[in-house]
Amino acid sequence: MDQPTNSIETNQKTKKNETRRKLWMAIASIIIVLLFVAYGAYWFLVLRFQEYTDDAYVSGLQIPIIAQTTGNVTQVNFENTDLVKAGDVLVVLDKTNATLAYEQAKHDLATTVRKTKELYINGDEYQAQIQKNRVSLAQAQKDYQRRVALGRSGTISKEDLQHSQEAVQLAQAALDISIQQYNANRALLRNTELKKQPAIQQAADSVRNAWINLQRTEVKSPMTGYVSRRNVQVGSQVGPQGSLMAIVPAQPVWVDANFKETQLEKVRIGQPVTLTSDFYGDDIVFTGKVVGLDMGTGSAFSLLPAQNATGNWIKVVQRLPVRVELDPEQVAKYPLRIGLSMNATIDIKDENGPVLAEVQRETPAFESDVLVLKLNEVDAVIDTIINENAD
């Protein structure tokens, strides 16, 4: 009796296991089907409207600092990674030659003012000489008229009459010469006030130029940012040929996302972009928007572009840089560095935007007036020199 009972129990357990296995297989099949359906729905609703690339990098301004004049470096005020403000003096050059040139230009201006002032004085002298010569001419003419009358009566000799006539001619010539001298002097002045005379203006411009060269012995930062790639050393001679360092502002920064050409069919300006960086990880998600697609691939703008017409041609899918503008508030909270890797995903659902920019920029993309020298200081010096030497 025991064996049949055990056999029945074994069969029952086997049936239960098979039933349970079938149930789990059915559940697993349903789950797999649901996962496929869920993924299909997610692809249909979300993924098919996204283009992704991990070939994206942070870009930004790299402002090369170049000396505008030649000289020996006496000071280097900042080091790599230091924060500098717009207008801060980064490097100081030896001022000796520039100071001497500035002082010489001021002396030349003073000399020019005095010489030009002399022309005005000469004008008064020429007028007085003209008046004197007119009187002399009138006297000579009267003497000649009297001698003509005396000559008719035979009171004076023909020689005296001839001398009197020559005296009139000499007086007339002297008058003509003085008038020409006056006109030549007036042509130099042309009824122009002293400080607007061309010679004085030229000398004043030389003073301004010397002053500008003196100011340029202090190399300033055009924008606020951080020092990078410093290669200038104290004592070295520098000039306009090489970069002393670079200033990298924390903002603006943007992302150049290099998408394959097969991904760009539906990419439009204005589409939203989500980005993550390897620097901060996936927990920090940056938001941005497409602001433009470059007009050439990376290979087209490379130093040695491919020459496919040579015959040694292998087709390679090209990548086109897409410029992504980031949210400034996010960048201020989570600063990025130039060259950092990014992962970019474009939402291409809205295709109403243009492929290329259709509106021309009306304001400068970047601007700084720090390096524009204000001439008020040197103009005041020039006015002082002119006034002191014109009296």
Protein backbone atom coordinates (compact mmCIF):
# COMPACT_ATOMS: atom_id res chain seq x y z
CA MET A 1 0.00 0.00 0.00
CA ASP A 2 2.93 2.32 0.61
CA GLN A 3 4.33 2.22 -2.90
CA PRO A 4 1.12 3.25 -4.68
CA THR A 5 0.62 6.05 -2.19
CA ASN A 6 4.15 7.39 -2.72
CA SER A 7 3.74 7.16 -6.46
CA ILE A 8 0.50 9.15 -6.34
CA GLU A 9 2.11 11.82 -4.15
CA THR A 10 5.09 12.04 -6.48
CA ASN A 11 2.83 12.48 -9.49
CA GLN A 12 0.87 15.15 -7.71
CA LYS A 13 4.07 17.06 -6.83
CA THR A 14 5.27 16.72 -10.41
CA LYS A 15 2.00 18.12 -11.71
CA LYS A 16 2.16 20.99 -9.22
CA ASN A 17 5.74 21.81 -10.26
CA GLU A 18 4.81 21.73 -13.92
CA THR A 19 1.80 23.94 -13.26
CA ARG A 20 3.95 26.33 -11.26
CA ARG A 21 6.62 26.33 -13.99
CA LYS A 22 4.05 27.05 -16.65
CA LEU A 23 2.64 29.83 -14.51
CA TRP A 24 6.06 31.44 -14.06
CA MET A 25 6.82 31.03 -17.73
CA ALA A 26 3.54 32.66 -18.57
CA ILE A 27 4.26 35.49 -16.12
CA ALA A 28 7.76 35.89 -17.52
CA SER A 29 6.41 35.92 -21.06
CA ILE A 30 3.85 38.53 -20.12
CA ILE A 31 6.53 40.63 -18.44
CA ILE A 32 8.79 40.38 -21.49
CA VAL A 33 5.91 41.29 -23.77
CA LEU A 34 5.00 44.20 -21.50
CA LEU A 35 8.63 45.34 -21.50
CA PHE A 36 8.75 45.23 -25.28
CA VAL A 37 5.44 47.08 -25.44
CA ALA A 38 6.66 49.62 -22.89
CA TYR A 39 9.92 50.10 -24.75
CA GLY A 40 8.05 50.37 -28.05
CA ALA A 41 5.72 52.95 -26.56
CA TYR A 42 8.68 54.81 -25.03
CA TRP A 43 10.50 54.74 -28.35
CA PHE A 44 7.38 55.90 -30.20
CA LEU A 45 6.63 58.69 -27.74
CA VAL A 46 10.15 59.78 -26.69
CA LEU A 47 13.22 58.12 -28.20
CA ARG A 48 12.31 58.67 -31.84
CA PHE A 49 12.28 62.40 -31.12
CA GLN A 50 15.80 62.42 -29.66
CA GLU A 51 19.28 62.53 -31.15
CA TYR A 52 22.18 61.71 -28.82
CA THR A 53 25.94 62.06 -28.97
CA ASP A 54 28.77 61.77 -26.51
CA ASP A 55 31.14 63.55 -28.92
CA ALA A 56 30.52 66.96 -27.38
CA TYR A 57 32.86 69.36 -25.64
CA VAL A 58 32.66 72.63 -23.75
CA SER A 59 33.92 75.66 -25.67
CA GLY A 60 34.43 79.26 -24.62
CA LEU A 61 36.55 82.36 -25.02
CA GLN A 62 40.33 82.06 -24.91
CA ILE A 63 41.64 85.61 -25.02
CA PRO A 64 45.33 85.78 -25.96
CA ILE A 65 47.21 88.52 -24.13
CA ILE A 66 49.76 90.16 -26.42
CA ALA A 67 52.04 93.11 -25.70
CA GLN A 68 51.31 96.04 -28.03
CA THR A 69 54.83 97.42 -27.70
CA THR A 70 58.32 96.01 -27.33
CA GLY A 71 60.09 96.00 -23.98
CA ASN A 72 61.62 94.05 -21.12
CA VAL A 73 59.25 92.58 -18.54
CA THR A 74 59.67 94.04 -15.05
CA GLN A 75 56.51 92.60 -13.41
CA VAL A 76 54.23 89.61 -13.87
CA ASN A 77 51.30 90.20 -11.54
CA PHE A 78 49.29 86.98 -11.95
CA GLU A 79 49.85 83.25 -12.21
CA ASN A 80 47.87 80.42 -13.83
CA THR A 81 44.38 79.85 -12.32
CA ASP A 82 44.36 83.36 -10.76
CA LEU A 83 41.19 85.40 -11.08
CA VAL A 84 41.64 88.75 -12.84
CA LYS A 85 39.16 91.56 -13.34
CA ALA A 86 38.73 93.55 -16.54
CA GLY A 87 41.35 96.31 -16.54
CA ASP A 88 43.78 94.62 -14.15
CA VAL A 89 47.45 95.09 -15.06
CA LEU A 90 48.80 91.66 -15.96
CA VAL A 91 52.34 92.47 -17.08
CA VAL A 92 54.48 95.62 -16.72
CA LEU A 93 57.25 96.49 -19.19
CA ASP A 94 60.24 98.77 -18.66
CA LYS A 95 59.00 102.36 -19.06
CA THR A 96 62.36 104.10 -19.58
CA ASN A 97 62.34 104.43 -23.38
CA ALA A 98 58.63 105.19 -23.56
CA THR A 99 58.95 107.91 -20.89
CA LEU A 100 61.86 109.55 -22.71
CA ALA A 101 59.96 109.48 -26.01
CA TYR A 102 56.94 111.06 -24.31
CA GLU A 103 59.02 113.86 -22.79
CA GLN A 104 60.76 114.48 -26.13
CA ALA A 105 57.38 114.73 -27.88
CA LYS A 106 56.24 117.32 -25.33
CA HIS A 107 59.40 119.37 -25.91
CA ASP A 108 58.88 119.18 -29.68
CA LEU A 109 55.31 120.41 -29.24
CA ALA A 110 56.49 123.39 -27.19
CA THR A 111 59.10 124.26 -29.85
CA THR A 112 56.51 123.99 -32.63
CA VAL A 113 54.10 126.27 -30.76
CA ARG A 114 56.79 128.94 -30.37
CA LYS A 115 57.79 128.75 -34.02
CA THR A 116 54.18 128.95 -35.14
CA LYS A 117 53.57 131.86 -32.80
CA GLU A 118 56.49 133.57 -34.53
CA LEU A 119 54.57 133.40 -37.81
CA TYR A 120 51.76 135.46 -36.29
CA ILE A 121 54.32 138.02 -35.09
CA ASN A 122 55.97 138.04 -38.52
CA GLY A 123 52.61 138.84 -40.04
CA ASP A 124 52.39 142.04 -38.02
CA GLU A 125 55.98 142.91 -38.98
CA TYR A 126 55.24 142.35 -42.67
CA GLN A 127 52.21 144.62 -42.45
CA ALA A 128 54.35 147.34 -40.87
CA GLN A 129 56.99 146.85 -43.57
CA ILE A 130 54.33 147.17 -46.25
CA GLN A 131 53.15 150.43 -44.76
CA LYS A 132 56.75 151.70 -44.57
CA ASN A 133 57.46 150.74 -48.19
CA ARG A 134 54.26 152.44 -49.36
CA VAL A 135 55.37 155.66 -47.71
CA SER A 136 58.83 155.31 -49.29
CA LEU A 137 57.23 154.71 -52.68
CA ALA A 138 55.02 157.77 -52.33
CA GLN A 139 58.02 159.91 -51.39
CA ALA A 140 60.04 158.58 -54.30
CA GLN A 141 57.16 159.25 -56.69
CA LYS A 142 56.79 162.86 -55.42
CA ASP A 143 60.53 163.44 -55.70
CA TYR A 144 60.46 162.10 -59.22
CA GLN A 145 57.55 164.36 -60.21
CA ARG A 146 59.40 167.42 -58.89
CA ARG A 147 62.56 166.44 -60.75
CA VAL A 148 60.61 165.95 -63.94
CA ALA A 149 59.43 169.57 -63.71
CA LEU A 150 62.94 170.77 -62.93
CA GLY A 151 64.33 168.72 -65.78
CA ARG A 152 62.09 170.47 -68.25
CA SER A 153 63.51 173.79 -67.22
CA GLY A 154 67.04 172.43 -67.30
CA THR A 155 67.63 173.03 -63.60
CA ILE A 156 68.84 169.42 -62.95
CA SER A 157 70.78 167.05 -65.07
CA LYS A 158 69.34 164.05 -66.88
CA GLU A 159 71.43 161.80 -64.60
CA ASP A 160 69.68 163.11 -61.47
CA LEU A 161 66.34 162.59 -63.17
CA GLN A 162 67.30 159.03 -64.09
CA HIS A 163 68.36 158.31 -60.47
CA SER A 164 65.04 159.66 -59.22
CA GLN A 165 63.16 157.38 -61.61
CA GLU A 166 65.20 154.39 -60.48
CA ALA A 167 64.47 155.27 -56.85
CA VAL A 168 60.75 154.98 -57.66
CA GLN A 169 61.30 151.57 -59.24
CA LEU A 170 63.31 150.36 -56.24
CA ALA A 171 60.64 151.58 -53.83
CA GLN A 172 57.97 149.79 -55.90
CA ALA A 173 60.02 146.57 -55.89
CA ALA A 174 60.53 146.78 -52.12
CA LEU A 175 56.78 147.22 -51.67
CA ASP A 176 56.03 144.23 -53.91
CA ILE A 177 58.50 142.06 -51.99
CA SER A 178 57.00 142.97 -48.61
CA ILE A 179 53.49 142.25 -49.93
CA GLN A 180 54.60 138.83 -51.22
CA GLN A 181 56.24 138.05 -47.87
CA TYR A 182 53.05 138.97 -46.08
CA ASN A 183 50.94 136.83 -48.43
CA ALA A 184 53.32 133.86 -48.04
CA ASN A 185 53.14 134.17 -44.27
CA ARG A 186 49.35 134.47 -44.38
CA ALA A 187 49.20 131.35 -46.58
CA LEU A 188 50.92 129.43 -43.80
CA LEU A 189 48.44 130.67 -41.21
CA ARG A 190 45.24 130.86 -43.34
CA ASN A 191 43.26 132.68 -40.61
CA THR A 192 43.44 129.57 -38.40
CA GLU A 193 43.76 129.82 -34.65
CA LEU A 194 47.06 128.81 -33.12
CA LYS A 195 46.15 125.40 -31.66
CA LYS A 196 44.56 124.29 -34.94
CA GLN A 197 47.62 124.98 -37.05
CA PRO A 198 48.72 121.80 -38.91
CA ALA A 199 52.26 121.85 -37.47
CA ILE A 200 50.90 122.10 -33.94
CA GLN A 201 48.31 119.41 -34.64
CA GLN A 202 51.04 117.10 -35.95
CA ALA A 203 53.22 117.73 -32.92
CA ALA A 204 50.21 117.16 -30.63
CA ASP A 205 49.52 113.84 -32.36
CA SER A 206 53.13 112.85 -31.71
CA VAL A 207 52.58 113.58 -28.02
CA ARG A 208 49.43 111.45 -28.04
CA ASN A 209 51.23 108.61 -29.80
CA ALA A 210 54.11 108.73 -27.30
CA TRP A 211 51.62 108.80 -24.41
CA ILE A 212 49.77 105.79 -25.85
CA ASN A 213 53.05 103.86 -26.14
CA LEU A 214 53.79 104.73 -22.53
CA GLN A 215 50.39 103.44 -21.41
CA ARG A 216 50.92 100.23 -23.35
CA THR A 217 53.88 99.34 -21.18
CA GLU A 218 51.16 98.09 -18.81
CA VAL A 219 49.46 95.08 -20.38
CA LYS A 220 45.87 94.89 -19.14
CA SER A 221 43.17 92.23 -19.16
CA PRO A 222 40.30 93.04 -21.54
CA MET A 223 37.79 90.87 -19.67
CA THR A 224 37.21 89.24 -16.28
CA GLY A 225 38.38 85.64 -16.22
CA TYR A 226 41.09 83.23 -15.16
CA VAL A 227 44.74 83.16 -16.19
CA SER A 228 45.80 80.19 -18.30
CA ARG A 229 48.86 79.23 -20.36
CA ARG A 230 51.14 81.85 -18.82
CA ASN A 231 54.55 81.73 -20.48
CA VAL A 232 55.92 85.23 -19.83
CA GLN A 233 58.84 85.59 -17.41
CA VAL A 234 60.35 88.58 -15.62
CA GLY A 235 63.33 89.90 -17.54
CA SER A 236 62.31 88.52 -20.92
CA GLN A 237 61.89 90.83 -23.89
CA VAL A 238 58.43 90.70 -25.40
CA GLY A 239 56.69 92.27 -28.35
CA PRO A 240 53.57 92.01 -30.49
CA GLN A 241 54.72 88.69 -31.99
CA GLY A 242 53.84 86.19 -29.24
CA SER A 243 51.17 85.51 -26.62
CA LEU A 244 52.07 86.19 -22.99
CA MET A 245 49.15 84.27 -21.47
CA ALA A 246 45.47 83.65 -22.04
CA ILE A 247 42.42 84.86 -20.13
CA VAL A 248 39.51 82.42 -20.00
CA PRO A 249 36.21 83.95 -18.78
CA ALA A 250 33.91 81.67 -16.80
CA GLN A 251 31.10 82.85 -19.07
CA PRO A 252 30.05 82.74 -21.80
CA VAL A 253 30.63 79.05 -22.47
CA TRP A 254 28.81 76.82 -24.91
CA VAL A 255 28.92 73.24 -26.15
CA ASP A 256 30.00 72.09 -29.59
CA ALA A 257 28.19 68.78 -30.07
CA ASN A 258 29.50 66.80 -33.05
CA PHE A 259 26.57 64.82 -34.44
CA LYS A 260 26.82 62.39 -37.32
CA GLU A 261 25.46 63.70 -40.58
CA THR A 262 22.85 60.92 -40.49
CA GLN A 263 21.44 62.40 -37.26
CA LEU A 264 20.92 65.97 -38.47
CA GLU A 265 17.96 65.67 -40.83
CA LYS A 266 15.47 66.97 -38.27
CA VAL A 267 17.76 69.13 -36.14
CA ARG A 268 16.61 72.76 -36.11
CA ILE A 269 17.69 75.99 -34.44
CA GLY A 270 15.84 76.56 -31.17
CA GLN A 271 15.31 72.91 -30.27
CA PRO A 272 15.88 72.10 -26.57
CA VAL A 273 18.94 70.15 -25.50
CA THR A 274 19.72 68.27 -22.30
CA LEU A 275 23.34 67.68 -21.37
CA THR A 276 25.37 65.91 -18.74
CA SER A 277 29.08 66.20 -18.10
CA ASP A 278 31.64 63.67 -17.01
CA PHE A 279 32.88 66.36 -14.63
CA TYR A 280 29.68 66.54 -12.54
CA GLY A 281 28.16 63.19 -13.43
CA ASP A 282 24.62 62.26 -14.42
CA ASP A 283 23.06 63.88 -11.34
CA ILE A 284 23.59 67.37 -12.76
CA VAL A 285 21.60 67.90 -15.95
CA PHE A 286 22.25 71.06 -17.95
CA THR A 287 19.62 72.53 -20.23
CA GLY A 288 20.30 74.43 -23.42
CA LYS A 289 19.11 75.03 -26.96
CA VAL A 290 20.47 74.70 -30.46
CA VAL A 291 21.67 78.08 -31.72
CA GLY A 292 23.31 77.03 -34.94
CA LEU A 293 24.80 74.33 -37.14
CA ASP A 294 28.30 74.89 -38.46
CA MET A 295 28.82 75.44 -42.18
CA GLY A 296 31.41 72.69 -42.49
CA THR A 297 32.44 69.38 -41.01
CA GLY A 298 35.53 68.98 -38.90
CA SER A 299 37.42 67.28 -41.73
CA ALA A 300 36.61 70.12 -44.14
CA PHE A 301 38.17 72.68 -41.82
CA SER A 302 41.14 70.56 -40.77
CA LEU A 303 44.71 71.61 -41.49
CA LEU A 304 45.03 68.95 -44.18
CA PRO A 305 41.52 68.33 -45.54
CA ALA A 306 40.87 65.01 -47.25
CA GLN A 307 41.31 64.94 -51.03
CA ASN A 308 38.80 62.31 -52.01
CA ALA A 309 39.36 62.96 -55.71
CA THR A 310 42.74 61.21 -55.52
CA GLY A 311 41.05 57.83 -55.74
CA ASN A 312 42.14 56.50 -52.34
CA TRP A 313 38.67 57.02 -50.97
CA ILE A 314 36.92 55.32 -48.09
CA LYS A 315 33.55 56.70 -47.13
CA VAL A 316 33.42 57.82 -43.50
CA VAL A 317 30.32 59.22 -41.87
CA GLN A 318 31.14 62.86 -41.18
CA ARG A 319 30.31 64.83 -38.05
CA LEU A 320 28.97 68.39 -38.06
CA PRO A 321 29.40 70.68 -35.04
CA VAL A 322 26.11 71.83 -33.53
CA ARG A 323 26.41 74.81 -31.23
CA VAL A 324 24.40 74.54 -28.02
CA GLU A 325 23.78 77.57 -25.82
CA LEU A 326 23.70 76.77 -22.10
CA ASP A 327 21.59 78.25 -19.32
CA PRO A 328 23.77 80.98 -17.74
CA GLU A 329 22.30 80.43 -14.27
CA GLN A 330 23.19 76.75 -14.37
CA VAL A 331 26.71 77.52 -15.57
CA ALA A 332 27.10 80.07 -12.75
CA LYS A 333 26.05 77.42 -10.23
CA TYR A 334 28.03 74.61 -11.83
CA PRO A 335 30.99 76.21 -13.64
CA LEU A 336 32.34 74.36 -16.65
CA ARG A 337 35.84 74.37 -18.12
CA ILE A 338 36.80 74.56 -21.75
CA GLY A 339 37.36 71.11 -23.24
CA LEU A 340 35.26 69.11 -20.77
CA SER A 341 33.37 66.17 -22.26
CA MET A 342 29.59 66.41 -22.46
CA ASN A 343 26.74 64.11 -23.43
CA ALA A 344 24.11 65.92 -25.48
CA THR A 345 20.56 64.91 -26.37
CA ILE A 346 18.48 67.06 -28.72
CA ASP A 347 14.69 66.95 -28.63
CA ILE A 348 13.78 67.07 -32.35
CA LYS A 349 10.01 66.90 -31.95
CA ASP A 350 9.47 70.53 -32.94
CA GLU A 351 10.77 70.97 -36.50
CA ASN A 352 9.45 74.50 -37.06
CA GLY A 353 12.80 76.21 -36.51
CA PRO A 354 15.20 77.12 -39.34
CA VAL A 355 18.16 74.99 -40.34
CA LEU A 356 20.37 78.07 -40.83
CA ALA A 357 20.19 81.41 -39.06
CA GLU A 358 17.82 83.79 -40.83
CA VAL A 359 18.25 86.86 -38.61
CA GLN A 360 21.44 88.88 -38.73
CA ARG A 361 23.09 89.74 -35.42
CA GLU A 362 22.60 93.44 -34.61
CA THR A 363 24.86 93.73 -31.55
CA PRO A 364 28.49 92.62 -31.09
CA ALA A 365 28.86 89.00 -30.08
CA PHE A 366 31.61 89.99 -27.64
CA GLU A 367 32.74 93.45 -26.60
CA SER A 368 35.24 95.15 -24.31
CA ASP A 369 36.39 98.78 -24.18
CA VAL A 370 39.03 98.25 -21.51
CA LEU A 371 41.91 98.53 -23.97
CA VAL A 372 40.45 101.66 -25.61
CA LEU A 373 42.55 104.48 -24.16
CA LYS A 374 40.78 107.68 -23.11
CA LEU A 375 42.79 110.66 -24.37
CA ASN A 376 41.39 113.20 -21.90
CA GLU A 377 44.54 113.11 -19.76
CA VAL A 378 47.01 113.67 -22.59
CA ASP A 379 44.73 116.26 -24.24
CA ALA A 380 44.86 118.28 -21.02
CA VAL A 381 48.68 118.08 -21.08
CA ILE A 382 48.70 119.24 -24.73
CA ASP A 383 46.43 122.21 -23.96
CA THR A 384 48.69 123.22 -21.08
CA ILE A 385 51.80 123.12 -23.27
CA ILE A 386 50.14 125.17 -26.01
CA ASN A 387 48.84 127.81 -23.60
CA GLU A 388 52.13 128.15 -21.75
CA ASN A 389 54.15 128.60 -24.96
CA ALA A 390 51.67 130.77 -26.87
CA ASP A 391 51.92 133.74 -24.49
